[in-house]
Amino acid sequence: MSPTDRESMFGKAESGYLWCLHCERAYKEDEYRTEVNEEGHLMEMCYYEDCDGDAVIDAWEWEKIRDANGYPEKPEEGKVYPQYGN
């Protein structure tokens, strides 16, 4: 299996989770979804269907958000974790 575009650029996330800047939810690093854009390129997108976040540039390592806000080690699926705490 080849690495994701994000993994190729930034390496694997220590925690195995990513946090989306668009929807502020976390997901397992390998559970992104794919879409074909207007130019016919395959895009790696945020795991959540109702989000238009890019899983490469809009995905931050969960441990950075977690450490800055005291969030749990393992995020709850679908829960919003604001960038600057509650």
PDB file of N, CA and C in Angstrom:
ATOM      1  N   MET A   1       0.844  -1.172   0.000  1.00  0.00           N
ATOM      2  CA  MET A   1       0.000   0.000   0.000  1.00  0.00           C
ATOM      3  C   MET A   1       0.893   1.239   0.000  1.00  0.00           C
ATOM      4  N   SER A   2       0.622   2.150  -0.896  1.00  0.00           N
ATOM      5  CA  SER A   2       1.430   3.361  -0.968  1.00  0.00           C
ATOM      6  C   SER A   2       0.970   4.354   0.093  1.00  0.00           C
ATOM      7  N   PRO A   3       1.877   5.238   0.515  1.00  0.00           N
ATOM      8  CA  PRO A   3       1.485   6.219   1.526  1.00  0.00           C
ATOM      9  C   PRO A   3       0.482   7.222   0.962  1.00  0.00           C
ATOM     10  N   THR A   4      -0.306   7.823   1.848  1.00  0.00           N
ATOM     11  CA  THR A   4      -1.238   8.863   1.427  1.00  0.00           C
ATOM     12  C   THR A   4      -0.431  10.082   0.991  1.00  0.00           C
ATOM     13  N   ASP A   5      -1.085  11.016   0.325  1.00  0.00           N
ATOM     14  CA  ASP A   5      -0.405  12.256  -0.055  1.00  0.00           C
ATOM     15  C   ASP A   5       0.088  12.993   1.176  1.00  0.00           C
ATOM     16  N   ARG A   6      -0.719  13.028   2.235  1.00  0.00           N
ATOM     17  CA  ARG A   6      -0.337  13.709   3.463  1.00  0.00           C
ATOM     18  C   ARG A   6       0.872  13.042   4.101  1.00  0.00           C
ATOM     19  N   GLU A   7       0.843  11.723   4.170  1.00  0.00           N
ATOM     20  CA  GLU A   7       1.950  10.982   4.766  1.00  0.00           C
ATOM     21  C   GLU A   7       3.231  11.205   3.971  1.00  0.00           C
ATOM     22  N   SER A   8       3.127  11.265   2.661  1.00  0.00           N
ATOM     23  CA  SER A   8       4.304  11.516   1.820  1.00  0.00           C
ATOM     24  C   SER A   8       4.914  12.883   2.115  1.00  0.00           C
ATOM     25  N   MET A   9       4.065  13.866   2.421  1.00  0.00           N
ATOM     26  CA  MET A   9       4.546  15.229   2.671  1.00  0.00           C
ATOM     27  C   MET A   9       4.993  15.454   4.109  1.00  0.00           C
ATOM     28  N   PHE A  10       4.239  14.927   5.084  1.00  0.00           N
ATOM     29  CA  PHE A  10       4.469  15.262   6.486  1.00  0.00           C
ATOM     30  C   PHE A  10       4.840  14.081   7.375  1.00  0.00           C
ATOM     31  N   GLY A  11       4.752  12.867   6.870  1.00  0.00           N
ATOM     32  CA  GLY A  11       4.993  11.683   7.689  1.00  0.00           C
ATOM     33  C   GLY A  11       3.728  11.261   8.422  1.00  0.00           C
ATOM     34  N   LYS A  12       3.810  10.155   9.136  1.00  0.00           N
ATOM     35  CA  LYS A  12       2.656   9.641   9.871  1.00  0.00           C
ATOM     36  C   LYS A  12       2.456  10.433  11.153  1.00  0.00           C
ATOM     37  N   ALA A  13       1.206  10.541  11.563  1.00  0.00           N
ATOM     38  CA  ALA A  13       0.869  11.193  12.831  1.00  0.00           C
ATOM     39  C   ALA A  13       1.195  10.231  13.972  1.00  0.00           C
ATOM     40  N   GLU A  14       1.807  10.747  15.022  1.00  0.00           N
ATOM     41  CA  GLU A  14       2.186   9.900  16.161  1.00  0.00           C
ATOM     42  C   GLU A  14       0.992   9.170  16.754  1.00  0.00           C
ATOM     43  N   SER A  15      -0.121   9.863  16.886  1.00  0.00           N
ATOM     44  CA  SER A  15      -1.290   9.283  17.544  1.00  0.00           C
ATOM     45  C   SER A  15      -2.120   8.396  16.620  1.00  0.00           C
ATOM     46  N   GLY A  16      -1.916   8.557  15.311  1.00  0.00           N
ATOM     47  CA  GLY A  16      -2.736   7.822  14.349  1.00  0.00           C
ATOM     48  C   GLY A  16      -4.031   8.531  14.011  1.00  0.00           C
ATOM     49  N   TYR A  17      -4.225   9.750  14.551  1.00  0.00           N
ATOM     50  CA  TYR A  17      -5.422  10.541  14.302  1.00  0.00           C
ATOM     51  C   TYR A  17      -5.054  11.893  13.696  1.00  0.00           C
ATOM     52  N   LEU A  18      -5.979  12.409  12.901  1.00  0.00           N
ATOM     53  CA  LEU A  18      -5.848  13.740  12.329  1.00  0.00           C
ATOM     54  C   LEU A  18      -7.044  14.571  12.763  1.00  0.00           C
ATOM     55  N   TRP A  19      -6.858  15.876  12.821  1.00  0.00           N
ATOM     56  CA  TRP A  19      -7.903  16.829  13.181  1.00  0.00           C
ATOM     57  C   TRP A  19      -8.118  17.752  11.992  1.00  0.00           C
ATOM     58  N   CYS A  20      -9.356  17.974  11.614  1.00  0.00           N
ATOM     59  CA  CYS A  20      -9.686  18.768  10.434  1.00  0.00           C
ATOM     60  C   CYS A  20      -9.923  20.234  10.803  1.00  0.00           C
ATOM     61  N   LEU A  21      -9.204  21.122  10.143  1.00  0.00           N
ATOM     62  CA  LEU A  21      -9.341  22.555  10.358  1.00  0.00           C
ATOM     63  C   LEU A  21     -10.715  23.069   9.949  1.00  0.00           C
ATOM     64  N   HIS A  22     -11.369  22.421   8.992  1.00  0.00           N
ATOM     65  CA  HIS A  22     -12.676  22.880   8.514  1.00  0.00           C
ATOM     66  C   HIS A  22     -13.811  22.535   9.481  1.00  0.00           C
ATOM     67  N   CYS A  23     -13.895  21.293   9.903  1.00  0.00           N
ATOM     68  CA  CYS A  23     -15.030  20.876  10.743  1.00  0.00           C
ATOM     69  C   CYS A  23     -14.659  20.679  12.212  1.00  0.00           C
ATOM     70  N   GLU A  24     -13.375  20.759  12.529  1.00  0.00           N
ATOM     71  CA  GLU A  24     -12.863  20.627  13.893  1.00  0.00           C
ATOM     72  C   GLU A  24     -13.194  19.277  14.525  1.00  0.00           C
ATOM     73  N   ARG A  25     -13.239  18.248  13.695  1.00  0.00           N
ATOM     74  CA  ARG A  25     -13.441  16.886  14.197  1.00  0.00           C
ATOM     75  C   ARG A  25     -12.206  16.061  13.857  1.00  0.00           C
ATOM     76  N   ALA A  26     -11.993  15.032  14.629  1.00  0.00           N
ATOM     77  CA  ALA A  26     -10.833  14.164  14.424  1.00  0.00           C
ATOM     78  C   ALA A  26     -11.271  12.838  13.810  1.00  0.00           C
ATOM     79  N   TYR A  27     -10.334  12.207  13.136  1.00  0.00           N
ATOM     80  CA  TYR A  27     -10.597  10.907  12.518  1.00  0.00           C
ATOM     81  C   TYR A  27      -9.294  10.122  12.410  1.00  0.00           C
ATOM     82  N   LYS A  28      -9.432   8.809  12.251  1.00  0.00           N
ATOM     83  CA  LYS A  28      -8.245   7.975  12.098  1.00  0.00           C
ATOM     84  C   LYS A  28      -7.530   8.361  10.813  1.00  0.00           C
ATOM     85  N   GLU A  29      -6.242   8.429  10.902  1.00  0.00           N
ATOM     86  CA  GLU A  29      -5.400   8.885   9.800  1.00  0.00           C
ATOM     87  C   GLU A  29      -5.668   8.165   8.483  1.00  0.00           C
ATOM     88  N   ASP A  30      -5.977   6.897   8.548  1.00  0.00           N
ATOM     89  CA  ASP A  30      -6.172   6.113   7.324  1.00  0.00           C
ATOM     90  C   ASP A  30      -7.638   6.026   6.892  1.00  0.00           C
ATOM     91  N   GLU A  31      -8.517   6.822   7.513  1.00  0.00           N
ATOM     92  CA  GLU A  31      -9.942   6.765   7.183  1.00  0.00           C
ATOM     93  C   GLU A  31     -10.433   7.986   6.411  1.00  0.00           C
ATOM     94  N   TYR A  32      -9.557   8.614   5.662  1.00  0.00           N
ATOM     95  CA  TYR A  32      -9.966   9.729   4.812  1.00  0.00           C
ATOM     96  C   TYR A  32     -10.835   9.193   3.674  1.00  0.00           C
ATOM     97  N   ARG A  33     -11.526  10.077   2.964  1.00  0.00           N
ATOM     98  CA  ARG A  33     -12.308   9.663   1.799  1.00  0.00           C
ATOM     99  C   ARG A  33     -11.672  10.271   0.552  1.00  0.00           C
ATOM    100  N   THR A  34     -12.027   9.761  -0.583  1.00  0.00           N
ATOM    101  CA  THR A  34     -11.473  10.293  -1.826  1.00  0.00           C
ATOM    102  C   THR A  34     -12.592  10.839  -2.708  1.00  0.00           C
ATOM    103  N   GLU A  35     -12.262  11.882  -3.449  1.00  0.00           N
ATOM    104  CA  GLU A  35     -13.183  12.499  -4.405  1.00  0.00           C
ATOM    105  C   GLU A  35     -12.376  12.879  -5.638  1.00  0.00           C
ATOM    106  N   VAL A  36     -13.026  12.921  -6.773  1.00  0.00           N
ATOM    107  CA  VAL A  36     -12.383  13.383  -8.001  1.00  0.00           C
ATOM    108  C   VAL A  36     -12.793  14.834  -8.208  1.00  0.00           C
ATOM    109  N   ASN A  37     -11.794  15.722  -8.369  1.00  0.00           N
ATOM    110  CA  ASN A  37     -12.119  17.135  -8.556  1.00  0.00           C
ATOM    111  C   ASN A  37     -12.475  17.427 -10.016  1.00  0.00           C
ATOM    112  N   GLU A  38     -12.761  18.686 -10.316  1.00  0.00           N
ATOM    113  CA  GLU A  38     -13.193  19.079 -11.659  1.00  0.00           C
ATOM    114  C   GLU A  38     -12.146  18.789 -12.729  1.00  0.00           C
ATOM    115  N   GLU A  39     -10.882  18.789 -12.352  1.00  0.00           N
ATOM    116  CA  GLU A  39      -9.803  18.494 -13.310  1.00  0.00           C
ATOM    117  C   GLU A  39      -9.538  16.997 -13.463  1.00  0.00           C
ATOM    118  N   GLY A  40     -10.281  16.190 -12.720  1.00  0.00           N
ATOM    119  CA  GLY A  40     -10.124  14.752 -12.799  1.00  0.00           C
ATOM    120  C   GLY A  40      -9.064  14.174 -11.885  1.00  0.00           C
ATOM    121  N   HIS A  41      -8.548  14.978 -10.941  1.00  0.00           N
ATOM    122  CA  HIS A  41      -7.541  14.497  -9.993  1.00  0.00           C
ATOM    123  C   HIS A  41      -8.209  13.900  -8.759  1.00  0.00           C
ATOM    124  N   LEU A  42      -7.646  12.836  -8.268  1.00  0.00           N
ATOM    125  CA  LEU A  42      -8.148  12.195  -7.059  1.00  0.00           C
ATOM    126  C   LEU A  42      -7.683  12.995  -5.842  1.00  0.00           C
ATOM    127  N   MET A  43      -8.623  13.427  -5.038  1.00  0.00           N
ATOM    128  CA  MET A  43      -8.328  14.236  -3.856  1.00  0.00           C
ATOM    129  C   MET A  43      -8.580  13.420  -2.592  1.00  0.00           C
ATOM    130  N   GLU A  44      -7.708  13.570  -1.601  1.00  0.00           N
ATOM    131  CA  GLU A  44      -7.895  12.963  -0.296  1.00  0.00           C
ATOM    132  C   GLU A  44      -8.602  13.998   0.573  1.00  0.00           C
ATOM    133  N   MET A  45      -9.775  13.642   1.082  1.00  0.00           N
ATOM    134  CA  MET A  45     -10.630  14.578   1.801  1.00  0.00           C
ATOM    135  C   MET A  45     -10.885  14.113   3.236  1.00  0.00           C
ATOM    136  N   CYS A  46     -11.334  15.051   4.067  1.00  0.00           N
ATOM    137  CA  CYS A  46     -11.713  14.756   5.445  1.00  0.00           C
ATOM    138  C   CYS A  46     -12.656  13.548   5.466  1.00  0.00           C
ATOM    139  N   TYR A  47     -12.562  12.770   6.491  1.00  0.00           N
ATOM    140  CA  TYR A  47     -13.380  11.570   6.668  1.00  0.00           C
ATOM    141  C   TYR A  47     -14.878  11.861   6.658  1.00  0.00           C
ATOM    142  N   TYR A  48     -15.285  13.030   7.161  1.00  0.00           N
ATOM    143  CA  TYR A  48     -16.698  13.331   7.332  1.00  0.00           C
ATOM    144  C   TYR A  48     -17.322  13.847   6.038  1.00  0.00           C
ATOM    145  N   GLU A  49     -18.396  13.192   5.612  1.00  0.00           N
ATOM    146  CA  GLU A  49     -19.060  13.490   4.336  1.00  0.00           C
ATOM    147  C   GLU A  49     -19.557  14.931   4.235  1.00  0.00           C
ATOM    148  N   ASP A  50     -19.931  15.531   5.354  1.00  0.00           N
ATOM    149  CA  ASP A  50     -20.466  16.894   5.318  1.00  0.00           C
ATOM    150  C   ASP A  50     -19.382  17.969   5.409  1.00  0.00           C
ATOM    151  N   CYS A  51     -18.138  17.579   5.262  1.00  0.00           N
ATOM    152  CA  CYS A  51     -17.010  18.506   5.358  1.00  0.00           C
ATOM    153  C   CYS A  51     -16.271  18.567   4.023  1.00  0.00           C
ATOM    154  N   ASP A  52     -15.801  19.756   3.671  1.00  0.00           N
ATOM    155  CA  ASP A  52     -15.032  19.898   2.435  1.00  0.00           C
ATOM    156  C   ASP A  52     -13.538  20.102   2.707  1.00  0.00           C
ATOM    157  N   GLY A  53     -13.091  19.721   3.898  1.00  0.00           N
ATOM    158  CA  GLY A  53     -11.682  19.837   4.255  1.00  0.00           C
ATOM    159  C   GLY A  53     -10.809  18.860   3.484  1.00  0.00           C
ATOM    160  N   ASP A  54      -9.651  19.309   3.109  1.00  0.00           N
ATOM    161  CA  ASP A  54      -8.649  18.501   2.400  1.00  0.00           C
ATOM    162  C   ASP A  54      -7.851  17.711   3.434  1.00  0.00           C
ATOM    163  N   ALA A  55      -7.700  16.411   3.241  1.00  0.00           N
ATOM    164  CA  ALA A  55      -6.996  15.565   4.207  1.00  0.00           C
ATOM    165  C   ALA A  55      -5.483  15.720   4.129  1.00  0.00           C
ATOM    166  N   VAL A  56      -5.004  16.599   3.275  1.00  0.00           N
ATOM    167  CA  VAL A  56      -3.570  16.870   3.207  1.00  0.00           C
ATOM    168  C   VAL A  56      -3.273  18.197   3.906  1.00  0.00           C
ATOM    169  N   ILE A  57      -3.780  19.299   3.378  1.00  0.00           N
ATOM    170  CA  ILE A  57      -3.408  20.603   3.935  1.00  0.00           C
ATOM    171  C   ILE A  57      -4.284  21.055   5.101  1.00  0.00           C
ATOM    172  N   ASP A  58      -5.498  20.545   5.216  1.00  0.00           N
ATOM    173  CA  ASP A  58      -6.389  20.951   6.304  1.00  0.00           C
ATOM    174  C   ASP A  58      -6.352  19.991   7.485  1.00  0.00           C
ATOM    175  N   ALA A  59      -5.599  18.926   7.379  1.00  0.00           N
ATOM    176  CA  ALA A  59      -5.515  17.933   8.447  1.00  0.00           C
ATOM    177  C   ALA A  59      -4.281  18.201   9.308  1.00  0.00           C
ATOM    178  N   TRP A  60      -4.504  18.391  10.580  1.00  0.00           N
ATOM    179  CA  TRP A  60      -3.423  18.626  11.536  1.00  0.00           C
ATOM    180  C   TRP A  60      -3.272  17.381  12.399  1.00  0.00           C
ATOM    181  N   GLU A  61      -2.078  17.184  12.908  1.00  0.00           N
ATOM    182  CA  GLU A  61      -1.854  16.039  13.783  1.00  0.00           C
ATOM    183  C   GLU A  61      -2.639  16.237  15.080  1.00  0.00           C
ATOM    184  N   TRP A  62      -3.422  15.229  15.432  1.00  0.00           N
ATOM    185  CA  TRP A  62      -4.282  15.286  16.613  1.00  0.00           C
ATOM    186  C   TRP A  62      -3.493  15.651  17.865  1.00  0.00           C
ATOM    187  N   GLU A  63      -2.290  15.125  18.022  1.00  0.00           N
ATOM    188  CA  GLU A  63      -1.546  15.375  19.258  1.00  0.00           C
ATOM    189  C   GLU A  63      -1.233  16.857  19.464  1.00  0.00           C
ATOM    190  N   LYS A  64      -1.110  17.631  18.400  1.00  0.00           N
ATOM    191  CA  LYS A  64      -0.856  19.073  18.542  1.00  0.00           C
ATOM    192  C   LYS A  64      -2.096  19.783  19.095  1.00  0.00           C
ATOM    193  N   ILE A  65      -3.267  19.456  18.586  1.00  0.00           N
ATOM    194  CA  ILE A  65      -4.517  20.038  19.075  1.00  0.00           C
ATOM    195  C   ILE A  65      -4.802  19.529  20.485  1.00  0.00           C
ATOM    196  N   ARG A  66      -4.595  18.245  20.687  1.00  0.00           N
ATOM    197  CA  ARG A  66      -4.844  17.619  21.995  1.00  0.00           C
ATOM    198  C   ARG A  66      -3.978  18.251  23.078  1.00  0.00           C
ATOM    199  N   ASP A  67      -2.691  18.339  22.825  1.00  0.00           N
ATOM    200  CA  ASP A  67      -1.774  18.878  23.825  1.00  0.00           C
ATOM    201  C   ASP A  67      -2.077  20.338  24.160  1.00  0.00           C
ATOM    202  N   ALA A  68      -2.463  21.120  23.165  1.00  0.00           N
ATOM    203  CA  ALA A  68      -2.736  22.538  23.379  1.00  0.00           C
ATOM    204  C   ALA A  68      -4.029  22.783  24.148  1.00  0.00           C
ATOM    205  N   ASN A  69      -4.929  21.797  24.148  1.00  0.00           N
ATOM    206  CA  ASN A  69      -6.256  21.994  24.744  1.00  0.00           C
ATOM    207  C   ASN A  69      -6.630  21.004  25.827  1.00  0.00           C
ATOM    208  N   GLY A  70      -5.785  20.052  26.130  1.00  0.00           N
ATOM    209  CA  GLY A  70      -6.113  19.070  27.159  1.00  0.00           C
ATOM    210  C   GLY A  70      -7.177  18.072  26.727  1.00  0.00           C
ATOM    211  N   TYR A  71      -7.284  17.828  25.423  1.00  0.00           N
ATOM    212  CA  TYR A  71      -8.260  16.875  24.907  1.00  0.00           C
ATOM    213  C   TYR A  71      -7.777  15.445  25.160  1.00  0.00           C
ATOM    214  N   PRO A  72      -8.685  14.464  25.078  1.00  0.00           N
ATOM    215  CA  PRO A  72      -8.302  13.068  25.357  1.00  0.00           C
ATOM    216  C   PRO A  72      -7.323  12.513  24.316  1.00  0.00           C
ATOM    217  N   GLU A  73      -6.607  11.503  24.730  1.00  0.00           N
ATOM    218  CA  GLU A  73      -5.633  10.859  23.841  1.00  0.00           C
ATOM    219  C   GLU A  73      -6.316  10.282  22.599  1.00  0.00           C
ATOM    220  N   LYS A  74      -7.482   9.677  22.805  1.00  0.00           N
ATOM    221  CA  LYS A  74      -8.246   9.108  21.693  1.00  0.00           C
ATOM    222  C   LYS A  74      -9.518   9.937  21.516  1.00  0.00           C
ATOM    223  N   PRO A  75      -9.656  10.626  20.376  1.00  0.00           N
ATOM    224  CA  PRO A  75     -10.840  11.464  20.176  1.00  0.00           C
ATOM    225  C   PRO A  75     -12.099  10.641  19.922  1.00  0.00           C
ATOM    226  N   GLU A  76     -13.255  11.201  20.295  1.00  0.00           N
ATOM    227  CA  GLU A  76     -14.538  10.563  20.010  1.00  0.00           C
ATOM    228  C   GLU A  76     -14.907  10.845  18.558  1.00  0.00           C
ATOM    229  N   GLU A  77     -15.385   9.832  17.854  1.00  0.00           N
ATOM    230  CA  GLU A  77     -15.797  10.012  16.470  1.00  0.00           C
ATOM    231  C   GLU A  77     -16.957  10.993  16.383  1.00  0.00           C
ATOM    232  N   GLY A  78     -16.825  11.967  15.499  1.00  0.00           N
ATOM    233  CA  GLY A  78     -17.881  12.923  15.235  1.00  0.00           C
ATOM    234  C   GLY A  78     -17.948  14.101  16.199  1.00  0.00           C
ATOM    235  N   LYS A  79     -17.202  14.073  17.294  1.00  0.00           N
ATOM    236  CA  LYS A  79     -17.243  15.152  18.276  1.00  0.00           C
ATOM    237  C   LYS A  79     -16.419  16.342  17.781  1.00  0.00           C
ATOM    238  N   VAL A  80     -16.961  17.545  17.951  1.00  0.00           N
ATOM    239  CA  VAL A  80     -16.232  18.761  17.584  1.00  0.00           C
ATOM    240  C   VAL A  80     -15.271  19.119  18.703  1.00  0.00           C
ATOM    241  N   TYR A  81     -14.004  19.337  18.330  1.00  0.00           N
ATOM    242  CA  TYR A  81     -12.964  19.752  19.254  1.00  0.00           C
ATOM    243  C   TYR A  81     -12.455  21.108  18.773  1.00  0.00           C
ATOM    244  N   PRO A  82     -12.959  22.207  19.358  1.00  0.00           N
ATOM    245  CA  PRO A  82     -12.542  23.531  18.905  1.00  0.00           C
ATOM    246  C   PRO A  82     -11.021  23.707  19.008  1.00  0.00           C
ATOM    247  N   GLN A  83     -10.485  24.430  18.064  1.00  0.00           N
ATOM    248  CA  GLN A  83      -9.035  24.649  18.020  1.00  0.00           C
ATOM    249  C   GLN A  83      -8.527  25.319  19.277  1.00  0.00           C
ATOM    250  N   TYR A  84      -9.333  26.212  19.841  1.00  0.00           N
ATOM    251  CA  TYR A  84      -8.891  26.949  21.017  1.00  0.00           C
ATOM    252  C   TYR A  84      -9.688  26.589  22.258  1.00  0.00           C
ATOM    253  N   GLY A  85      -9.948  25.301  22.431  1.00  0.00           N
ATOM    254  CA  GLY A  85     -10.633  24.814  23.623  1.00  0.00           C
ATOM    255  C   GLY A  85     -12.110  25.116  23.629  1.00  0.00           C
ATOM    256  N   ASN A  86     -12.728  24.806  24.731  1.00  0.00           N
ATOM    257  CA  ASN A  86     -14.182  24.959  24.853  1.00  0.00           C
ATOM    258  C   ASN A  86     -14.572  26.380  25.075  1.00  0.00           C
TER     259      ASN A  86
END
